[in-house]
């Protein structure tokens, strides 16, 4: 398997819960106390004390890939409107990681951590999530952060109306429940449906389900190319588009589909049946080909350090998100797959290290050279090269 994919796509799932006290566009902000703020004039501030300024509450996380450039854009806006705007980033994060982000990227943006009160007022399930409040304390937009521009802030500052896409989410959708329950007489099927409104993209592999393990795969709200990538078990970096990719833009709800494949026996049959269903339904096809492309090669610079990674645990576990990889009794190719998530090109493992490894890897995305430094600590390096690799051609 070339890639272990968490379907964050352009957004990341969070554990936020629905509450009836949620605020909507047009509501006046109540007395909301922000506590334990970092990088601000005071650790505890009431939102009402900021009346007279445009406020942007940005719910984000340092582990959310798309959130980082969005936050950098907000930092720039804060500099451009130093007295008329206050950006407050509310993070789904560990406090120490958030502090490292602030230290590595100094700014005038205030930062805080998610609280139950904020969850109740501004429920969401998908990052990033932005609330714009005008100088009178009224909510004028609930939208995705990437919709915010300098012109929008200027309009709100001047008391003019704005119209941004409303970020509507299905807050009550249960991501743990079976999205497509079977009838009692069903043991296998291939179900292809349109997207589910207001729900994030994700996949379910049923690895801990004794009944479905190895014979069921569920894909929710994916584009056609994304479904092919999942079924061929490859990555975006290993995908070649011979179609107009923009026509299958994720942001257009019409481009999202759901696929549920259940086979009688476990194995690759569920992937094959999924591919067959897409081929017979859509004009867009996919195929695997060997091509010579630019890559990063993962290799060894210090085998002594590498040997310290040899696994001492009995049970396999693997968790990673953005800047952090925690693996027990995993293979080096698992780590290479993770690195590929952080790189713009395929990553080829040429370490020739076949032992099981235990590895806890953390780097600072905002600190130049951090990734390279952390790799060196475990005896590894990345080098640019060209290699013949298997790619997925979408045509």
Protein backbone atom coordinates (compact mmCIF):
# COMPACT_ATOMS: atom_id res chain seq x y z
CA UNK A 1 0.00 0.00 0.00
CA UNK A 2 1.59 3.25 -1.18
CA UNK A 3 -0.40 5.56 1.02
CA UNK A 4 -2.30 5.55 4.28
CA UNK A 5 -4.84 8.28 3.74
CA UNK A 6 -6.90 10.11 6.31
CA UNK A 7 -9.64 11.82 4.37
CA UNK A 8 -9.16 15.28 5.74
CA UNK A 9 -9.08 16.64 2.16
CA UNK A 10 -9.50 20.39 2.33
CA UNK A 11 -10.98 20.01 5.88
CA UNK A 12 -10.39 18.09 9.12
CA UNK A 13 -12.93 16.32 11.33
CA UNK A 14 -13.30 17.47 14.93
CA UNK A 15 -15.19 16.21 17.96
CA UNK A 16 -17.47 19.24 18.26
CA UNK A 17 -20.99 18.49 19.50
CA UNK A 18 -24.29 20.15 18.57
CA UNK A 19 -25.84 22.50 21.10
CA UNK A 20 -29.14 24.37 20.94
CA UNK A 21 -27.58 27.63 22.11
CA UNK A 22 -25.69 28.04 18.86
CA UNK A 23 -25.52 31.51 17.30
CA UNK A 24 -26.49 32.40 13.75
CA UNK A 25 -25.84 35.21 11.29
CA UNK A 26 -27.58 38.36 12.53
CA UNK A 27 -27.24 37.44 16.23
CA UNK A 28 -25.53 39.79 18.66
CA UNK A 29 -22.58 38.22 20.48
CA UNK A 30 -23.44 37.63 24.16
CA UNK A 31 -20.98 38.08 27.04
CA UNK A 32 -18.43 35.49 25.94
CA UNK A 33 -15.34 35.26 28.11
CA UNK A 34 -12.17 34.05 26.40
CA UNK A 35 -9.77 32.54 28.91
CA UNK A 36 -6.12 31.47 28.82
CA UNK A 37 -5.42 33.47 25.67
CA UNK A 38 -1.89 33.42 24.30
CA UNK A 39 -0.12 36.27 22.55
CA UNK A 40 -2.78 38.78 23.65
CA UNK A 41 -2.86 41.92 25.79
CA UNK A 42 -4.57 39.91 28.54
CA UNK A 43 -5.09 36.21 29.20
CA UNK A 44 -8.83 36.75 29.87
CA UNK A 45 -10.93 38.97 27.62
CA UNK A 46 -14.66 39.37 26.95
CA UNK A 47 -15.67 39.55 23.30
CA UNK A 48 -17.96 42.45 24.15
CA UNK A 49 -14.90 44.49 25.17
CA UNK A 50 -13.78 44.38 21.53
CA UNK A 51 -16.82 46.27 20.23
CA UNK A 52 -15.75 48.85 17.70
CA UNK A 53 -13.46 46.35 15.98
CA UNK A 54 -14.06 43.71 13.36
CA UNK A 55 -13.55 40.32 15.02
CA UNK A 56 -12.65 37.13 13.19
CA UNK A 57 -12.94 33.97 15.26
CA UNK A 58 -11.03 31.31 13.34
CA UNK A 59 -11.47 27.72 14.53
CA UNK A 60 -8.45 25.78 13.29
CA UNK A 61 -5.61 23.41 14.28
CA UNK A 62 -1.88 23.25 13.71
CA UNK A 63 -2.29 19.65 12.46
CA UNK A 64 -4.83 20.69 9.81
CA UNK A 65 -2.89 21.15 6.56
CA UNK A 66 -5.23 23.67 4.86
CA UNK A 67 -5.58 25.64 8.12
CA UNK A 68 -1.94 26.77 8.13
CA UNK A 69 -1.98 28.88 4.92
CA UNK A 70 -5.42 30.21 5.93
CA UNK A 71 -4.03 31.32 9.30
CA UNK A 72 -1.00 32.91 7.64
CA UNK A 73 -3.41 34.93 5.49
CA UNK A 74 -5.28 36.08 8.59
CA UNK A 75 -1.98 37.09 10.21
CA UNK A 76 -1.32 39.28 7.18
CA UNK A 77 -4.79 40.85 7.48
CA UNK A 78 -4.14 41.56 11.16
CA UNK A 79 -1.02 43.53 10.17
CA UNK A 80 -2.97 45.45 7.53
CA UNK A 81 -5.76 46.44 9.98
CA UNK A 82 -3.83 46.78 13.27
CA UNK A 83 -6.41 48.91 15.12
CA UNK A 84 -9.65 47.94 13.36
CA UNK A 85 -9.40 44.15 13.36
CA UNK A 86 -8.76 41.43 15.90
CA UNK A 87 -8.20 37.90 14.69
CA UNK A 88 -8.56 35.24 17.37
CA UNK A 89 -7.48 31.71 16.48
CA UNK A 90 -9.25 29.05 18.54
CA UNK A 91 -7.28 25.83 18.21
CA UNK A 92 -8.19 22.15 18.39
CA UNK A 93 -4.69 21.47 19.69
CA UNK A 94 -2.26 20.66 22.45
CA UNK A 95 -1.27 23.83 24.38
CA UNK A 96 2.46 23.20 23.97
CA UNK A 97 2.09 22.71 20.21
CA UNK A 98 0.09 25.92 19.89
CA UNK A 99 2.79 27.81 21.81
CA UNK A 100 5.47 26.46 19.46
CA UNK A 101 3.42 27.71 16.50
CA UNK A 102 3.27 31.19 18.07
CA UNK A 103 7.00 31.16 18.85
CA UNK A 104 7.90 30.16 15.30
CA UNK A 105 5.52 32.61 13.62
CA UNK A 106 5.27 35.82 15.68
CA UNK A 107 2.16 37.91 14.99
CA UNK A 108 -0.50 40.17 16.51
CA UNK A 109 -3.14 37.44 16.26
CA UNK A 110 -4.47 36.18 19.60
CA UNK A 111 -4.68 32.44 20.18
CA UNK A 112 -6.75 30.29 22.51
CA UNK A 113 -7.93 26.71 22.95
CA UNK A 114 -11.40 25.34 22.27
CA UNK A 115 -13.84 25.46 25.22
CA UNK A 116 -17.28 23.98 25.88
CA UNK A 117 -18.83 27.47 25.82
CA UNK A 118 -17.41 28.22 22.37
CA UNK A 119 -18.42 24.74 21.17
CA UNK A 120 -22.00 25.47 22.23
CA UNK A 121 -22.16 28.89 20.57
CA UNK A 122 -20.33 27.97 17.37
CA UNK A 123 -20.80 24.22 16.71
CA UNK A 124 -18.95 22.73 13.75
CA UNK A 125 -17.50 19.43 12.59
CA UNK A 126 -15.13 20.51 9.82
CA UNK A 127 -12.06 22.74 9.99
CA UNK A 128 -11.47 25.49 9.24
CA UNK A 129 -14.49 27.47 10.47
CA UNK A 130 -14.65 31.26 10.66
CA UNK A 131 -17.04 33.67 12.37
CA UNK A 132 -16.96 37.35 11.33
CA UNK A 133 -18.37 39.86 13.84
CA UNK A 134 -18.93 43.50 12.89
CA UNK A 135 -17.94 46.49 15.08
CA UNK A 136 -21.47 46.53 16.59
CA UNK A 137 -21.02 42.97 17.85
CA UNK A 138 -23.28 41.31 15.26
CA UNK A 139 -22.37 38.10 13.42
CA UNK A 140 -22.22 38.90 9.69
CA UNK A 141 -20.69 35.65 8.35
CA UNK A 142 -20.19 31.99 9.24
CA UNK A 143 -17.98 30.64 6.51
CA UNK A 144 -14.81 28.79 5.55
CA UNK A 145 -11.71 30.80 6.35
CA UNK A 146 -10.44 30.81 2.78
CA UNK A 147 -13.47 32.90 1.75
CA UNK A 148 -12.22 35.90 3.77
CA UNK A 149 -10.43 38.66 1.83
CA UNK A 150 -9.02 42.10 2.57
CA UNK A 151 -11.98 43.61 0.70
CA UNK A 152 -14.45 41.72 2.90
CA UNK A 153 -12.80 43.04 6.07
CA UNK A 154 -12.83 46.59 4.68
CA UNK A 155 -16.57 46.34 3.94
CA UNK A 156 -17.38 45.08 7.43
CA UNK A 157 -15.21 47.81 8.94
CA UNK A 158 -17.13 50.44 6.92
CA UNK A 159 -20.52 49.07 7.98
CA UNK A 160 -21.39 47.65 4.57
CA UNK A 161 -23.19 44.34 4.06
CA UNK A 162 -21.32 41.29 2.82
CA UNK A 163 -22.38 38.02 1.26
CA UNK A 164 -20.13 35.02 1.84
CA UNK A 165 -21.00 31.33 1.37
CA UNK A 166 -22.66 30.08 4.54
CA UNK A 167 -20.78 27.10 5.97
CA UNK A 168 -23.68 24.74 6.59
CA UNK A 169 -22.88 21.47 8.29
CA UNK A 170 -24.89 18.45 9.32
CA UNK A 171 -24.00 18.80 13.00
CA UNK A 172 -26.11 15.80 14.04
CA UNK A 173 -24.53 13.36 11.56
CA UNK A 174 -23.04 10.41 13.45
CA UNK A 175 -19.64 9.62 11.94
CA UNK A 176 -19.39 6.42 13.99
CA UNK A 177 -22.72 4.98 12.87
CA UNK A 178 -23.22 2.81 9.79
CA UNK A 179 -24.14 5.33 7.05
CA UNK A 180 -25.77 2.65 4.87
CA UNK A 181 -27.25 -0.13 7.06
CA UNK A 182 -27.81 -3.45 5.31
CA UNK A 183 -31.05 -5.31 5.00
CA UNK A 184 -31.13 -8.58 6.89
CA UNK A 185 -30.95 -10.58 3.66
CA UNK A 186 -27.91 -8.68 2.33
CA UNK A 187 -24.42 -10.17 2.59
CA UNK A 188 -22.73 -8.34 -0.29
CA UNK A 189 -23.45 -5.29 -2.42
CA UNK A 190 -22.00 -2.33 -4.33
CA UNK A 191 -23.84 0.91 -3.55
CA UNK A 192 -23.05 4.20 -5.32
CA UNK A 193 -24.94 7.34 -4.25
CA UNK A 194 -24.70 11.11 -4.38
CA UNK A 195 -23.00 13.09 -1.63
CA UNK A 196 -24.42 13.73 1.85
CA UNK A 197 -24.95 17.45 2.39
CA UNK A 198 -23.01 19.13 5.20
CA UNK A 199 -20.78 16.12 5.96
CA UNK A 200 -16.99 15.92 5.65
CA UNK A 201 -15.19 13.52 3.33
CA UNK A 202 -14.01 10.35 5.02
CA UNK A 203 -13.52 6.63 4.57
CA UNK A 204 -14.27 3.62 6.76
CA UNK A 205 -12.19 0.46 6.54
CA UNK A 206 -13.91 -1.52 9.35
CA UNK A 207 -10.53 -2.81 10.60
CA UNK A 208 -11.90 -3.46 14.09
CA UNK A 209 -15.21 -4.96 12.94
CA UNK A 210 -15.22 -8.76 13.18
CA UNK A 211 -18.04 -9.05 10.64
CA UNK A 212 -16.83 -6.62 7.94
CA UNK A 213 -13.04 -6.66 8.38
CA UNK A 214 -11.34 -7.07 5.00
CA UNK A 215 -14.58 -7.23 3.05
CA UNK A 216 -16.21 -3.79 3.38
CA UNK A 217 -15.14 -0.29 2.36
CA UNK A 218 -17.20 2.90 2.69
CA UNK A 219 -16.26 6.19 0.99
CA UNK A 220 -18.24 9.31 1.90
CA UNK A 221 -18.35 12.58 -0.08
CA UNK A 222 -15.39 11.97 -2.39
CA UNK A 223 -14.84 13.17 -5.94
CA UNK A 224 -14.48 10.61 -8.74
CA UNK A 225 -10.67 10.96 -8.90
CA UNK A 226 -10.47 10.67 -5.10
CA UNK A 227 -12.53 7.47 -5.14
CA UNK A 228 -10.23 5.98 -7.78
CA UNK A 229 -7.18 6.93 -5.69
CA UNK A 230 -8.64 5.19 -2.66
CA UNK A 231 -9.63 2.07 -4.57
CA UNK A 232 -6.20 1.83 -6.22
CA UNK A 233 -4.59 2.51 -2.80
CA UNK A 234 -2.42 5.35 -4.06
CA UNK A 235 -1.87 9.03 -3.24
CA UNK A 236 -2.53 12.42 -4.78
CA UNK A 237 1.23 12.81 -5.32
CA UNK A 238 1.18 9.66 -7.45
CA UNK A 239 -1.75 10.78 -9.57
CA UNK A 240 -1.45 12.07 -13.13
CA UNK A 241 -4.44 13.98 -14.51
CA UNK A 242 -5.17 13.72 -18.22
CA UNK A 243 -8.49 15.46 -17.62
CA UNK A 244 -9.37 18.96 -16.45
CA UNK A 245 -8.99 18.49 -12.70
CA UNK A 246 -10.95 21.68 -11.98
CA UNK A 247 -14.12 20.10 -13.40
CA UNK A 248 -14.04 17.71 -10.43
CA UNK A 249 -13.42 20.39 -7.80
CA UNK A 250 -14.20 19.19 -4.29
CA UNK A 251 -15.92 22.45 -3.34
CA UNK A 252 -18.76 21.79 -5.79
CA UNK A 253 -21.33 19.55 -4.01
CA UNK A 254 -22.33 18.02 -7.37
CA UNK A 255 -18.88 16.41 -7.58
CA UNK A 256 -19.23 14.41 -4.36
CA UNK A 257 -20.30 10.78 -4.22
CA UNK A 258 -20.60 7.94 -1.70
CA UNK A 259 -19.57 4.34 -2.35
CA UNK A 260 -20.20 1.32 -0.12
CA UNK A 261 -18.72 -2.01 -1.18
CA UNK A 262 -19.30 -5.27 0.69
CA UNK A 263 -17.97 -8.58 -0.64
CA UNK A 264 -18.68 -12.11 0.53
CA UNK A 265 -15.03 -12.84 1.30
CA UNK A 266 -12.17 -10.65 2.50
CA UNK A 267 -9.36 -9.49 0.24
CA UNK A 268 -8.87 -7.20 -2.74
CA UNK A 269 -12.23 -8.10 -4.25
CA UNK A 270 -13.91 -5.10 -2.57
CA UNK A 271 -11.46 -2.73 -4.30
CA UNK A 272 -11.92 -4.47 -7.64
CA UNK A 273 -15.71 -4.31 -7.42
CA UNK A 274 -15.54 -0.63 -6.51
CA UNK A 275 -13.36 0.13 -9.53
CA UNK A 276 -15.72 -1.87 -11.74
CA UNK A 277 -18.69 0.17 -10.48
CA UNK A 278 -16.97 3.49 -11.20
CA UNK A 279 -15.90 2.34 -14.66
CA UNK A 280 -19.42 1.36 -15.65
CA UNK A 281 -20.96 4.54 -14.21
CA UNK A 282 -18.63 7.40 -15.20
CA UNK A 283 -16.82 8.53 -18.35
CA UNK A 284 -13.73 9.20 -16.21
CA UNK A 285 -11.45 6.16 -15.96
CA UNK A 286 -8.21 5.31 -14.18
CA UNK A 287 -5.24 3.02 -14.81
CA UNK A 288 -1.86 2.27 -13.22
CA UNK A 289 1.28 3.00 -15.23
CA UNK A 290 5.03 3.10 -14.62
CA UNK A 291 6.45 6.59 -15.22
CA UNK A 292 9.70 8.36 -14.39
CA UNK A 293 8.92 11.31 -12.09
CA UNK A 294 10.57 13.60 -9.54
CA UNK A 295 10.62 12.04 -6.07
CA UNK A 296 12.17 12.33 -2.62
CA UNK A 297 14.30 9.34 -1.70
CA UNK A 298 14.32 8.27 1.96
CA UNK A 299 17.75 6.86 2.82
CA UNK A 300 20.03 6.11 5.78
CA UNK A 301 22.80 8.47 6.95
CA UNK A 302 23.49 6.81 10.31
CA UNK A 303 22.61 3.15 10.69
CA UNK A 304 23.56 3.22 14.39
CA UNK A 305 20.78 5.71 15.12
CA UNK A 306 18.41 3.79 12.88
CA UNK A 307 18.95 0.60 14.87
CA UNK A 308 17.62 2.31 18.01
CA UNK A 309 14.19 2.29 16.35
CA UNK A 310 13.95 -1.51 16.39
CA UNK A 311 10.56 -2.37 17.85
CA UNK A 312 10.28 -3.51 21.47
CA UNK A 313 6.48 -3.69 21.52
CA UNK A 314 4.08 -6.55 20.91
CA UNK A 315 1.06 -4.78 19.43
CA UNK A 316 0.97 -2.64 16.29
CA UNK A 317 -0.44 0.89 16.56
CA UNK A 318 -0.26 3.79 14.15
CA UNK A 319 -1.50 7.36 14.60
CA UNK A 320 -0.39 10.40 12.62
CA UNK A 321 -1.62 13.88 11.89
CA UNK A 322 0.29 16.65 10.17
CA UNK A 323 3.39 17.37 12.25
CA UNK A 324 3.33 14.14 14.30
CA UNK A 325 3.79 10.40 13.64
CA UNK A 326 3.46 7.80 16.41
CA UNK A 327 3.98 4.21 15.32
CA UNK A 328 4.59 1.01 17.26
CA UNK A 329 5.64 -2.20 15.52
CA UNK A 330 5.34 -0.57 12.09
CA UNK A 331 7.45 -0.92 8.95
CA UNK A 332 9.66 1.76 7.41
CA UNK A 333 7.30 1.98 4.44
CA UNK A 334 4.56 3.12 6.86
CA UNK A 335 6.79 6.03 7.87
CA UNK A 336 7.60 6.76 4.22
CA UNK A 337 3.87 6.87 3.48
CA UNK A 338 3.43 9.43 6.25
CA UNK A 339 6.30 11.56 4.89
CA UNK A 340 4.64 11.50 1.47
CA UNK A 341 1.61 13.15 3.06
CA UNK A 342 3.89 16.09 3.94
CA UNK A 343 5.68 16.31 0.58
CA UNK A 344 4.67 17.60 -2.88
CA UNK A 345 6.06 14.52 -4.70
CA UNK A 346 6.18 10.75 -4.14
CA UNK A 347 8.54 9.42 -1.46
CA UNK A 348 10.55 6.29 -2.26
CA UNK A 349 11.89 4.20 0.62
CA UNK A 350 15.47 3.14 -0.16
CA UNK A 351 16.53 2.47 3.45
CA UNK A 352 16.38 -1.30 2.91
CA UNK A 353 15.42 -1.54 6.58
CA UNK A 354 13.03 -4.44 7.02
CA UNK A 355 12.75 -4.70 10.83
CA UNK A 356 9.66 -3.61 12.73
CA UNK A 357 10.21 -0.16 14.25
CA UNK A 358 8.85 2.01 17.08
CA UNK A 359 8.99 5.65 16.11
CA UNK A 360 7.71 8.90 17.64
CA UNK A 361 8.41 11.70 15.17
CA UNK A 362 7.43 15.34 15.73
CA UNK A 363 8.50 18.41 13.75
CA UNK A 364 7.59 22.11 13.61
CA UNK A 365 6.11 23.00 10.19
CA UNK A 366 6.80 26.72 10.79
CA UNK A 367 10.47 26.21 11.73
CA UNK A 368 12.67 26.09 8.65
CA UNK A 369 14.76 22.94 8.55
CA UNK A 370 12.85 21.25 11.39
CA UNK A 371 11.77 18.27 9.29
CA UNK A 372 15.33 17.64 8.09
CA UNK A 373 16.73 18.00 11.63
CA UNK A 374 14.25 15.54 13.11
CA UNK A 375 14.94 12.99 10.36
CA UNK A 376 18.68 13.26 11.01
CA UNK A 377 18.11 12.51 14.71
CA UNK A 378 16.89 9.03 13.73
CA UNK A 379 19.57 8.51 11.08
CA UNK A 380 17.53 9.33 7.97
CA UNK A 381 17.48 11.92 5.20
CA UNK A 382 15.45 12.93 2.15
CA UNK A 383 17.09 13.63 -1.22
CA UNK A 384 15.63 14.87 -4.49
CA UNK A 385 15.91 12.40 -7.36
CA UNK A 386 14.08 10.86 -10.30
CA UNK A 387 12.71 7.35 -10.16
CA UNK A 388 10.37 5.15 -12.14
CA UNK A 389 7.31 4.68 -9.96
CA UNK A 390 3.80 3.43 -10.41
CA UNK A 391 1.33 6.28 -10.86
CA UNK A 392 -2.43 6.43 -11.24
CA UNK A 393 -3.47 8.02 -14.53
CA UNK A 394 -6.92 9.65 -14.50
CA UNK A 395 -8.26 9.96 -18.07
